[in-house]
Each structure stands twice: as structure tokens, then as C-alpha cells.
PDB file of all heavy atoms in Angstrom:
ATOM      1  N   ASP A   1    -104.923  88.281  29.846  1.00  0.00           N
ATOM      2  CA  ASP A   1    -105.303  89.067  31.025  1.00  0.00           C
ATOM      3  C   ASP A   1    -105.930  88.176  32.096  1.00  0.00           C
ATOM      4  O   ASP A   1    -105.676  88.361  33.296  1.00  0.00           O
ATOM      5  CB  ASP A   1    -106.280  90.171  30.629  1.00  0.00           C
ATOM      6  CG  ASP A   1    -105.635  91.265  29.785  1.00  0.00           C
ATOM      7  OD1 ASP A   1    -104.390  91.319  29.724  1.00  0.00           O
ATOM      8  OD2 ASP A   1    -106.391  92.059  29.186  1.00  0.00           O
ATOM      9  N   LYS A   2    -106.737  87.232  31.673  1.00  0.00           N
ATOM     10  CA  LYS A   2    -107.427  86.343  32.605  1.00  0.00           C
ATOM     11  C   LYS A   2    -106.431  85.497  33.387  1.00  0.00           C
ATOM     12  O   LYS A   2    -106.511  85.391  34.616  1.00  0.00           O
ATOM     13  CB  LYS A   2    -108.391  85.444  31.830  1.00  0.00           C
ATOM     14  CG  LYS A   2    -109.260  84.519  32.680  1.00  0.00           C
ATOM     15  CD  LYS A   2    -110.166  83.678  31.790  1.00  0.00           C
ATOM     16  CE  LYS A   2    -111.148  82.832  32.602  1.00  0.00           C
ATOM     17  NZ  LYS A   2    -112.217  83.654  33.223  1.00  0.00           N
ATOM     18  N   VAL A   3    -105.477  84.889  32.681  1.00  0.00           N
ATOM     19  CA  VAL A   3    -104.508  84.024  33.349  1.00  0.00           C
ATOM     20  C   VAL A   3    -103.579  84.848  34.241  1.00  0.00           C
ATOM     21  O   VAL A   3    -103.260  84.440  35.371  1.00  0.00           O
ATOM     22  CB  VAL A   3    -103.707  83.204  32.319  1.00  0.00           C
ATOM     23  CG1 VAL A   3    -102.623  82.379  33.007  1.00  0.00           C
ATOM     24  CG2 VAL A   3    -104.639  82.281  31.538  1.00  0.00           C
ATOM     25  N   ALA A   4    -103.155  86.007  33.759  1.00  0.00           N
ATOM     26  CA  ALA A   4    -102.300  86.858  34.585  1.00  0.00           C
ATOM     27  C   ALA A   4    -102.998  87.227  35.887  1.00  0.00           C
ATOM     28  O   ALA A   4    -102.400  87.181  36.971  1.00  0.00           O
ATOM     29  CB  ALA A   4    -101.908  88.109  33.810  1.00  0.00           C
ATOM     30  N   ALA A   5    -104.289  87.572  35.809  1.00  0.00           N
ATOM     31  CA  ALA A   5    -105.028  87.936  37.015  1.00  0.00           C
ATOM     32  C   ALA A   5    -105.174  86.744  37.961  1.00  0.00           C
ATOM     33  O   ALA A   5    -105.043  86.890  39.178  1.00  0.00           O
ATOM     34  CB  ALA A   5    -106.402  88.477  36.624  1.00  0.00           C
ATOM     35  N   LEU A   6    -105.437  85.565  37.400  1.00  0.00           N
ATOM     36  CA  LEU A   6    -105.585  84.370  38.239  1.00  0.00           C
ATOM     37  C   LEU A   6    -104.319  84.093  39.039  1.00  0.00           C
ATOM     38  O   LEU A   6    -104.376  83.609  40.172  1.00  0.00           O
ATOM     39  CB  LEU A   6    -105.919  83.154  37.371  1.00  0.00           C
ATOM     40  CG  LEU A   6    -107.344  83.068  36.833  1.00  0.00           C
ATOM     41  CD1 LEU A   6    -107.452  81.928  35.812  1.00  0.00           C
ATOM     42  CD2 LEU A   6    -108.335  82.857  37.973  1.00  0.00           C
ATOM     43  N   LEU A   7    -103.159  84.394  38.451  1.00  0.00           N
ATOM     44  CA  LEU A   7    -101.883  84.086  39.090  1.00  0.00           C
ATOM     45  C   LEU A   7    -101.264  85.297  39.782  1.00  0.00           C
ATOM     46  O   LEU A   7    -100.150  85.202  40.311  1.00  0.00           O
ATOM     47  CB  LEU A   7    -100.918  83.522  38.049  1.00  0.00           C
ATOM     48  CG  LEU A   7    -101.328  82.159  37.497  1.00  0.00           C
ATOM     49  CD1 LEU A   7    -100.511  81.799  36.266  1.00  0.00           C
ATOM     50  CD2 LEU A   7    -101.178  81.077  38.553  1.00  0.00           C
ATOM     51  N   GLY A   8    -101.984  86.424  39.774  1.00  0.00           N
ATOM     52  CA  GLY A   8    -101.502  87.594  40.485  1.00  0.00           C
ATOM     53  C   GLY A   8    -100.347  88.297  39.812  1.00  0.00           C
ATOM     54  O   GLY A   8     -99.526  88.937  40.491  1.00  0.00           O
ATOM     55  N   HIS A   9    -100.278  88.225  38.487  1.00  0.00           N
ATOM     56  CA  HIS A   9     -99.200  88.888  37.753  1.00  0.00           C
ATOM     57  C   HIS A   9     -99.753  89.991  36.858  1.00  0.00           C
ATOM     58  O   HIS A   9    -100.964  90.074  36.616  1.00  0.00           O
ATOM     59  CB  HIS A   9     -98.404  87.869  36.938  1.00  0.00           C
ATOM     60  CG  HIS A   9     -97.387  87.134  37.760  1.00  0.00           C
ATOM     61  ND1 HIS A   9     -96.062  87.502  37.828  1.00  0.00           N
ATOM     62  CD2 HIS A   9     -97.510  86.067  38.584  1.00  0.00           C
ATOM     63  CE1 HIS A   9     -95.404  86.692  38.645  1.00  0.00           C
ATOM     64  NE2 HIS A   9     -96.273  85.801  39.113  1.00  0.00           N
ATOM     65  N   GLU A  10     -98.840  90.797  36.357  1.00  0.00           N
ATOM     66  CA  GLU A  10     -99.228  91.994  35.621  1.00  0.00           C
ATOM     67  C   GLU A  10     -99.683  91.706  34.199  1.00  0.00           C
ATOM     68  O   GLU A  10    -100.593  92.356  33.685  1.00  0.00           O
ATOM     69  CB  GLU A  10     -98.034  92.959  35.609  1.00  0.00           C
ATOM     70  CG  GLU A  10     -98.351  94.356  35.130  1.00  0.00           C
ATOM     71  CD  GLU A  10     -97.158  95.289  35.254  1.00  0.00           C
ATOM     72  OE1 GLU A  10     -96.017  94.818  35.437  1.00  0.00           O
ATOM     73  OE2 GLU A  10     -97.380  96.524  35.170  1.00  0.00           O
ATOM     74  N   ALA A  11     -99.052  90.727  33.542  1.00  0.00           N
ATOM     75  CA  ALA A  11     -99.336  90.503  32.125  1.00  0.00           C
ATOM     76  C   ALA A  11     -99.087  89.050  31.770  1.00  0.00           C
ATOM     77  O   ALA A  11     -98.432  88.307  32.513  1.00  0.00           O
ATOM     78  CB  ALA A  11     -98.467  91.413  31.251  1.00  0.00           C
ATOM     79  N   GLY A  12     -99.618  88.654  30.616  1.00  0.00           N
ATOM     80  CA  GLY A  12     -99.438  87.291  30.133  1.00  0.00           C
ATOM     81  C   GLY A  12     -99.093  87.278  28.667  1.00  0.00           C
ATOM     82  O   GLY A  12     -99.250  88.284  27.953  1.00  0.00           O
ATOM     83  N   LEU A  13     -98.620  86.112  28.188  1.00  0.00           N
ATOM     84  CA  LEU A  13     -98.298  85.923  26.772  1.00  0.00           C
ATOM     85  C   LEU A  13     -98.702  84.520  26.365  1.00  0.00           C
ATOM     86  O   LEU A  13     -98.272  83.535  26.977  1.00  0.00           O
ATOM     87  CB  LEU A  13     -96.795  86.127  26.527  1.00  0.00           C
ATOM     88  CG  LEU A  13     -96.348  85.976  25.063  1.00  0.00           C
ATOM     89  CD1 LEU A  13     -96.866  87.122  24.210  1.00  0.00           C
ATOM     90  CD2 LEU A  13     -94.827  85.884  24.964  1.00  0.00           C
ATOM     91  N   PHE A  14     -99.541  84.418  25.344  1.00  0.00           N
ATOM     92  CA  PHE A  14     -99.985  83.124  24.837  1.00  0.00           C
ATOM     93  C   PHE A  14     -98.859  82.468  24.049  1.00  0.00           C
ATOM     94  O   PHE A  14     -98.165  83.116  23.265  1.00  0.00           O
ATOM     95  CB  PHE A  14    -101.207  83.316  23.946  1.00  0.00           C
ATOM     96  CG  PHE A  14    -101.799  82.029  23.431  1.00  0.00           C
ATOM     97  CD1 PHE A  14    -102.588  81.232  24.247  1.00  0.00           C
ATOM     98  CD2 PHE A  14    -101.569  81.614  22.131  1.00  0.00           C
ATOM     99  CE1 PHE A  14    -103.142  80.045  23.781  1.00  0.00           C
ATOM    100  CE2 PHE A  14    -102.115  80.433  21.650  1.00  0.00           C
ATOM    101  CZ  PHE A  14    -102.902  79.647  22.480  1.00  0.00           C
ATOM    102  N   ALA A  15     -98.680  81.164  24.240  1.00  0.00           N
ATOM    103  CA  ALA A  15     -97.683  80.391  23.498  1.00  0.00           C
ATOM    104  C   ALA A  15     -98.348  79.105  23.019  1.00  0.00           C
ATOM    105  O   ALA A  15     -99.250  78.580  23.677  1.00  0.00           O
ATOM    106  CB  ALA A  15     -96.477  80.058  24.368  1.00  0.00           C
ATOM    107  N   PRO A  16     -97.902  78.571  21.885  1.00  0.00           N
ATOM    108  CA  PRO A  16     -98.545  77.362  21.378  1.00  0.00           C
ATOM    109  C   PRO A  16     -98.239  76.116  22.182  1.00  0.00           C
ATOM    110  O   PRO A  16     -99.002  75.154  22.135  1.00  0.00           O
ATOM    111  CB  PRO A  16     -98.008  77.240  19.947  1.00  0.00           C
ATOM    112  CG  PRO A  16     -96.737  78.012  19.948  1.00  0.00           C
ATOM    113  CD  PRO A  16     -96.937  79.125  20.928  1.00  0.00           C
ATOM    114  N   THR A  17     -97.132  76.103  22.928  1.00  0.00           N
ATOM    115  CA  THR A  17     -96.760  74.909  23.691  1.00  0.00           C
ATOM    116  C   THR A  17     -96.227  75.287  25.063  1.00  0.00           C
ATOM    117  O   THR A  17     -95.708  76.388  25.276  1.00  0.00           O
ATOM    118  CB  THR A  17     -95.665  74.086  22.975  1.00  0.00           C
ATOM    119  OG1 THR A  17     -94.413  74.796  23.053  1.00  0.00           O
ATOM    120  CG2 THR A  17     -96.028  73.813  21.520  1.00  0.00           C
ATOM    121  N   GLY A  18     -96.297  74.324  25.977  1.00  0.00           N
ATOM    122  CA  GLY A  18     -95.733  74.525  27.298  1.00  0.00           C
ATOM    123  C   GLY A  18     -94.223  74.633  27.273  1.00  0.00           C
ATOM    124  O   GLY A  18     -93.624  75.400  28.034  1.00  0.00           O
ATOM    125  N   SER A  19     -93.604  73.859  26.396  1.00  0.00           N
ATOM    126  CA  SER A  19     -92.144  73.935  26.298  1.00  0.00           C
ATOM    127  C   SER A  19     -91.698  75.319  25.859  1.00  0.00           C
ATOM    128  O   SER A  19     -90.718  75.865  26.384  1.00  0.00           O
ATOM    129  CB  SER A  19     -91.625  72.875  25.320  1.00  0.00           C
ATOM    130  OG  SER A  19     -91.779  71.574  25.852  1.00  0.00           O
ATOM    131  N   LEU A  20     -92.401  75.908  24.889  1.00  0.00           N
ATOM    132  CA  LEU A  20     -92.028  77.257  24.452  1.00  0.00           C
ATOM    133  C   LEU A  20     -92.261  78.267  25.569  1.00  0.00           C
ATOM    134  O   LEU A  20     -91.420  79.149  25.798  1.00  0.00           O
ATOM    135  CB  LEU A  20     -92.811  77.660  23.198  1.00  0.00           C
ATOM    136  CG  LEU A  20     -92.499  79.063  22.676  1.00  0.00           C
ATOM    137  CD1 LEU A  20     -91.011  79.223  22.359  1.00  0.00           C
ATOM    138  CD2 LEU A  20     -93.348  79.392  21.460  1.00  0.00           C
ATOM    139  N   ALA A  21     -93.381  78.143  26.275  1.00  0.00           N
ATOM    140  CA  ALA A  21     -93.623  79.066  27.387  1.00  0.00           C
ATOM    141  C   ALA A  21     -92.509  78.971  28.419  1.00  0.00           C
ATOM    142  O   ALA A  21     -92.019  79.992  28.927  1.00  0.00           O
ATOM    143  CB  ALA A  21     -94.981  78.762  28.024  1.00  0.00           C
ATOM    144  N   ASN A  22     -92.073  77.749  28.722  1.00  0.00           N
ATOM    145  CA  ASN A  22     -90.945  77.588  29.647  1.00  0.00           C
ATOM    146  C   ASN A  22     -89.679  78.222  29.092  1.00  0.00           C
ATOM    147  O   ASN A  22     -88.964  78.937  29.797  1.00  0.00           O
ATOM    148  CB  ASN A  22     -90.690  76.104  29.919  1.00  0.00           C
ATOM    149  CG  ASN A  22     -91.570  75.547  31.012  1.00  0.00           C
ATOM    150  OD1 ASN A  22     -92.047  76.270  31.876  1.00  0.00           O
ATOM    151  ND2 ASN A  22     -91.786  74.243  30.985  1.00  0.00           N
ATOM    152  N   GLN A  23     -89.376  77.944  27.832  1.00  0.00           N
ATOM    153  CA  GLN A  23     -88.133  78.449  27.253  1.00  0.00           C
ATOM    154  C   GLN A  23     -88.105  79.972  27.202  1.00  0.00           C
ATOM    155  O   GLN A  23     -87.054  80.588  27.400  1.00  0.00           O
ATOM    156  CB  GLN A  23     -87.922  77.852  25.860  1.00  0.00           C
ATOM    157  CG  GLN A  23     -87.606  76.367  25.874  1.00  0.00           C
ATOM    158  CD  GLN A  23     -86.432  76.017  26.750  1.00  0.00           C
ATOM    159  OE1 GLN A  23     -85.389  76.666  26.699  1.00  0.00           O
ATOM    160  NE2 GLN A  23     -86.593  74.986  27.582  1.00  0.00           N
ATOM    161  N   LEU A  24     -89.247  80.575  26.956  1.00  0.00           N
ATOM    162  CA  LEU A  24     -89.306  82.036  26.994  1.00  0.00           C
ATOM    163  C   LEU A  24     -89.044  82.536  28.411  1.00  0.00           C
ATOM    164  O   LEU A  24     -88.319  83.522  28.611  1.00  0.00           O
ATOM    165  CB  LEU A  24     -90.668  82.516  26.498  1.00  0.00           C
ATOM    166  CG  LEU A  24     -90.958  82.277  25.018  1.00  0.00           C
ATOM    167  CD1 LEU A  24     -92.403  82.627  24.700  1.00  0.00           C
ATOM    168  CD2 LEU A  24     -90.008  83.074  24.138  1.00  0.00           C
ATOM    169  N   GLY A  25     -89.623  81.845  29.397  1.00  0.00           N
ATOM    170  CA  GLY A  25     -89.376  82.234  30.783  1.00  0.00           C
ATOM    171  C   GLY A  25     -87.915  82.115  31.165  1.00  0.00           C
ATOM    172  O   GLY A  25     -87.346  83.009  31.798  1.00  0.00           O
ATOM    173  N   LEU A  26     -87.278  81.033  30.743  1.00  0.00           N
ATOM    174  CA  LEU A  26     -85.864  80.846  31.068  1.00  0.00           C
ATOM    175  C   LEU A  26     -85.015  81.931  30.406  1.00  0.00           C
ATOM    176  O   LEU A  26     -84.094  82.484  31.023  1.00  0.00           O
ATOM    177  CB  LEU A  26     -85.392  79.462  30.607  1.00  0.00           C
ATOM    178  CG  LEU A  26     -86.170  78.234  31.106  1.00  0.00           C
ATOM    179  CD1 LEU A  26     -85.451  76.953  30.685  1.00  0.00           C
ATOM    180  CD2 LEU A  26     -86.385  78.273  32.601  1.00  0.00           C
ATOM    181  N   ARG A  27     -85.321  82.230  29.150  1.00  0.00           N
ATOM    182  CA  ARG A  27     -84.535  83.207  28.396  1.00  0.00           C
ATOM    183  C   ARG A  27     -84.603  84.596  29.013  1.00  0.00           C
ATOM    184  O   ARG A  27     -83.652  85.375  28.917  1.00  0.00           O
ATOM    185  CB  ARG A  27     -85.025  83.248  26.941  1.00  0.00           C
ATOM    186  CG  ARG A  27     -84.199  84.159  26.025  1.00  0.00           C
ATOM    187  CD  ARG A  27     -82.770  83.655  25.932  1.00  0.00           C
ATOM    188  NE  ARG A  27     -81.905  84.518  25.145  1.00  0.00           N
ATOM    189  CZ  ARG A  27     -81.359  85.650  25.590  1.00  0.00           C
ATOM    190  NH1 ARG A  27     -81.609  86.070  26.813  1.00  0.00           N
ATOM    191  NH2 ARG A  27     -80.563  86.363  24.809  1.00  0.00           N
ATOM    192  N   LEU A  28     -85.714  84.903  29.665  1.00  0.00           N
ATOM    193  CA  LEU A  28     -85.844  86.217  30.298  1.00  0.00           C
ATOM    194  C   LEU A  28     -84.871  86.402  31.451  1.00  0.00           C
ATOM    195  O   LEU A  28     -84.450  87.529  31.732  1.00  0.00           O
ATOM    196  CB  LEU A  28     -87.268  86.398  30.822  1.00  0.00           C
ATOM    197  CG  LEU A  28     -88.377  86.530  29.779  1.00  0.00           C
ATOM    198  CD1 LEU A  28     -89.740  86.501  30.455  1.00  0.00           C
ATOM    199  CD2 LEU A  28     -88.205  87.800  28.960  1.00  0.00           C
ATOM    200  N   HIS A  29     -84.531  85.319  32.122  1.00  0.00           N
ATOM    201  CA  HIS A  29     -83.774  85.424  33.369  1.00  0.00           C
ATOM    202  C   HIS A  29     -82.324  84.982  33.261  1.00  0.00           C
ATOM    203  O   HIS A  29     -81.520  85.336  34.123  1.00  0.00           O
ATOM    204  CB  HIS A  29     -84.452  84.568  34.442  1.00  0.00           C
ATOM    205  CG  HIS A  29     -85.886  84.900  34.672  1.00  0.00           C
ATOM    206  ND1 HIS A  29     -86.316  86.140  35.086  1.00  0.00           N
ATOM    207  CD2 HIS A  29     -87.014  84.143  34.536  1.00  0.00           C
ATOM    208  CE1 HIS A  29     -87.639  86.144  35.194  1.00  0.00           C
ATOM    209  NE2 HIS A  29     -88.086  84.935  34.874  1.00  0.00           N
ATOM    210  N   VAL A  30     -81.992  84.195  32.251  1.00  0.00           N
ATOM    211  CA  VAL A  30     -80.659  83.595  32.179  1.00  0.00           C
ATOM    212  C   VAL A  30     -80.037  83.926  30.821  1.00  0.00           C
ATOM    213  O   VAL A  30     -80.585  83.573  29.775  1.00  0.00           O
ATOM    214  CB  VAL A  30     -80.722  82.058  32.364  1.00  0.00           C
ATOM    215  CG1 VAL A  30     -79.320  81.506  32.593  1.00  0.00           C
ATOM    216  CG2 VAL A  30     -81.643  81.676  33.507  1.00  0.00           C
ATOM    217  N   GLY A  31     -78.878  84.584  30.856  1.00  0.00           N
ATOM    218  CA  GLY A  31     -78.181  84.907  29.627  1.00  0.00           C
ATOM    219  C   GLY A  31     -77.276  83.777  29.188  1.00  0.00           C
ATOM    220  O   GLY A  31     -77.022  82.818  29.930  1.00  0.00           O
ATOM    221  N   PRO A  32     -76.752  83.864  27.967  1.00  0.00           N
ATOM    222  CA  PRO A  32     -75.818  82.841  27.472  1.00  0.00           C
ATOM    223  C   PRO A  32     -74.638  82.663  28.415  1.00  0.00           C
ATOM    224  O   PRO A  32     -74.017  83.634  28.848  1.00  0.00           O
ATOM    225  CB  PRO A  32     -75.377  83.398  26.115  1.00  0.00           C
ATOM    226  CG  PRO A  32     -76.494  84.288  25.685  1.00  0.00           C
ATOM    227  CD  PRO A  32     -77.008  84.907  26.954  1.00  0.00           C
ATOM    228  N   GLY A  33     -74.341  81.403  28.746  1.00  0.00           N
ATOM    229  CA  GLY A  33     -73.235  81.098  29.646  1.00  0.00           C
ATOM    230  C   GLY A  33     -73.585  81.183  31.111  1.00  0.00           C
ATOM    231  O   GLY A  33     -72.771  80.806  31.960  1.00  0.00           O
ATOM    232  N   GLN A  34     -74.780  81.674  31.419  1.00  0.00           N
ATOM    233  CA  GLN A  34     -75.221  81.705  32.806  1.00  0.00           C
ATOM    234  C   GLN A  34     -75.942  80.404  33.138  1.00  0.00           C
ATOM    235  O   GLN A  34     -76.126  79.542  32.294  1.00  0.00           O
ATOM    236  CB  GLN A  34     -76.122  82.920  33.046  1.00  0.00           C
ATOM    237  CG  GLN A  34     -75.387  84.251  32.896  1.00  0.00           C
ATOM    238  CD  GLN A  34     -76.286  85.446  33.132  1.00  0.00           C
ATOM    239  OE1 GLN A  34     -77.491  85.393  32.894  1.00  0.00           O
ATOM    240  NE2 GLN A  34     -75.692  86.537  33.593  1.00  0.00           N
ATOM    241  N   GLU A  35     -76.374  80.287  34.398  1.00  0.00           N
ATOM    242  CA  GLU A  35     -76.830  78.999  34.899  1.00  0.00           C
ATOM    243  C   GLU A  35     -78.237  79.070  35.485  1.00  0.00           C
ATOM    244  O   GLU A  35     -78.613  80.033  36.154  1.00  0.00           O
ATOM    245  CB  GLU A  35     -75.864  78.542  35.997  1.00  0.00           C
ATOM    246  CG  GLU A  35     -76.262  77.279  36.743  1.00  0.00           C
ATOM    247  CD  GLU A  35     -75.320  76.991  37.881  1.00  0.00           C
ATOM    248  OE1 GLU A  35     -75.468  77.597  38.975  1.00  0.00           O
ATOM    249  OE2 GLU A  35     -74.412  76.166  37.691  1.00  0.00           O
ATOM    250  N   LEU A  36     -78.991  77.995  35.236  1.00  0.00           N
ATOM    251  CA  LEU A  36     -80.206  77.722  35.994  1.00  0.00           C
ATOM    252  C   LEU A  36     -79.994  76.438  36.775  1.00  0.00           C
ATOM    253  O   LEU A  36     -79.179  75.592  36.403  1.00  0.00           O
ATOM    254  CB  LEU A  36     -81.431  77.607  35.077  1.00  0.00           C
ATOM    255  CG  LEU A  36     -81.540  76.415  34.114  1.00  0.00           C
ATOM    256  CD1 LEU A  36     -82.076  75.151  34.779  1.00  0.00           C
ATOM    257  CD2 LEU A  36     -82.443  76.777  32.936  1.00  0.00           C
ATOM    258  N   VAL A  37     -80.761  76.284  37.859  1.00  0.00           N
ATOM    259  CA  VAL A  37     -80.753  75.031  38.615  1.00  0.00           C
ATOM    260  C   VAL A  37     -82.181  74.516  38.707  1.00  0.00           C
ATOM    261  O   VAL A  37     -83.131  75.293  38.852  1.00  0.00           O
ATOM    262  CB  VAL A  37     -80.123  75.191  40.015  1.00  0.00           C
ATOM    263  CG1 VAL A  37     -78.661  75.576  39.898  1.00  0.00           C
ATOM    264  CG2 VAL A  37     -80.883  76.201  40.865  1.00  0.00           C
ATOM    265  N   ALA A  38     -82.327  73.195  38.598  1.00  0.00           N
ATOM    266  CA  ALA A  38     -83.624  72.539  38.677  1.00  0.00           C
ATOM    267  C   ALA A  38     -83.403  71.138  39.224  1.00  0.00           C
ATOM    268  O   ALA A  38     -82.266  70.651  39.267  1.00  0.00           O
ATOM    269  CB  ALA A  38     -84.292  72.475  37.306  1.00  0.00           C
ATOM    270  N   ASP A  39     -84.472  70.475  39.640  1.00  0.00           N
ATOM    271  CA  ASP A  39     -84.275  69.122  40.155  1.00  0.00           C
ATOM    272  C   ASP A  39     -84.016  68.151  39.003  1.00  0.00           C
ATOM    273  O   ASP A  39     -84.334  68.423  37.847  1.00  0.00           O
ATOM    274  CB  ASP A  39     -85.469  68.677  40.997  1.00  0.00           C
ATOM    275  CG  ASP A  39     -86.644  68.222  40.165  1.00  0.00           C
ATOM    276  OD1 ASP A  39     -86.711  67.031  39.816  1.00  0.00           O
ATOM    277  OD2 ASP A  39     -87.501  69.069  39.846  1.00  0.00           O
ATOM    278  N   GLN A  40     -83.452  67.010  39.314  1.00  0.00           N
ATOM    279  CA  GLN A  40     -82.963  66.089  38.287  1.00  0.00           C
ATOM    280  C   GLN A  40     -84.077  65.468  37.450  1.00  0.00           C
ATOM    281  O   GLN A  40     -83.822  64.927  36.371  1.00  0.00           O
ATOM    282  CB  GLN A  40     -82.152  64.972  38.943  1.00  0.00           C
ATOM    283  CG  GLN A  40     -82.960  64.079  39.878  1.00  0.00           C
ATOM    284  CD  GLN A  40     -82.103  63.048  40.573  1.00  0.00           C
ATOM    285  OE1 GLN A  40     -80.880  63.083  40.468  1.00  0.00           O
ATOM    286  NE2 GLN A  40     -82.733  62.124  41.275  1.00  0.00           N
TER     287      GLN A  40
END
């Protein structure tokens, strides 16, 4: 709740690693065979 409020979002989820938190975020928005873009 604290982190969500700091960033102006509705809810948060604790993860043991930053990589997992990222991967969960990516999975929410991109389905299998779909694409994300990021810098090199």
C-alpha cells in the first residue's frame, strides 16, 4: 500500500526480485507471440 501510494497507483505486489517484478509487469501486458519494445 505504501509503495502504491508513493507512485500514485491503486495497488502493489511484493516480489523477491526486481527481475520477477519486471517479468510480472511484462506478462500483464504482452501475450505469447506479441511484442514489447525497449532500448538496446
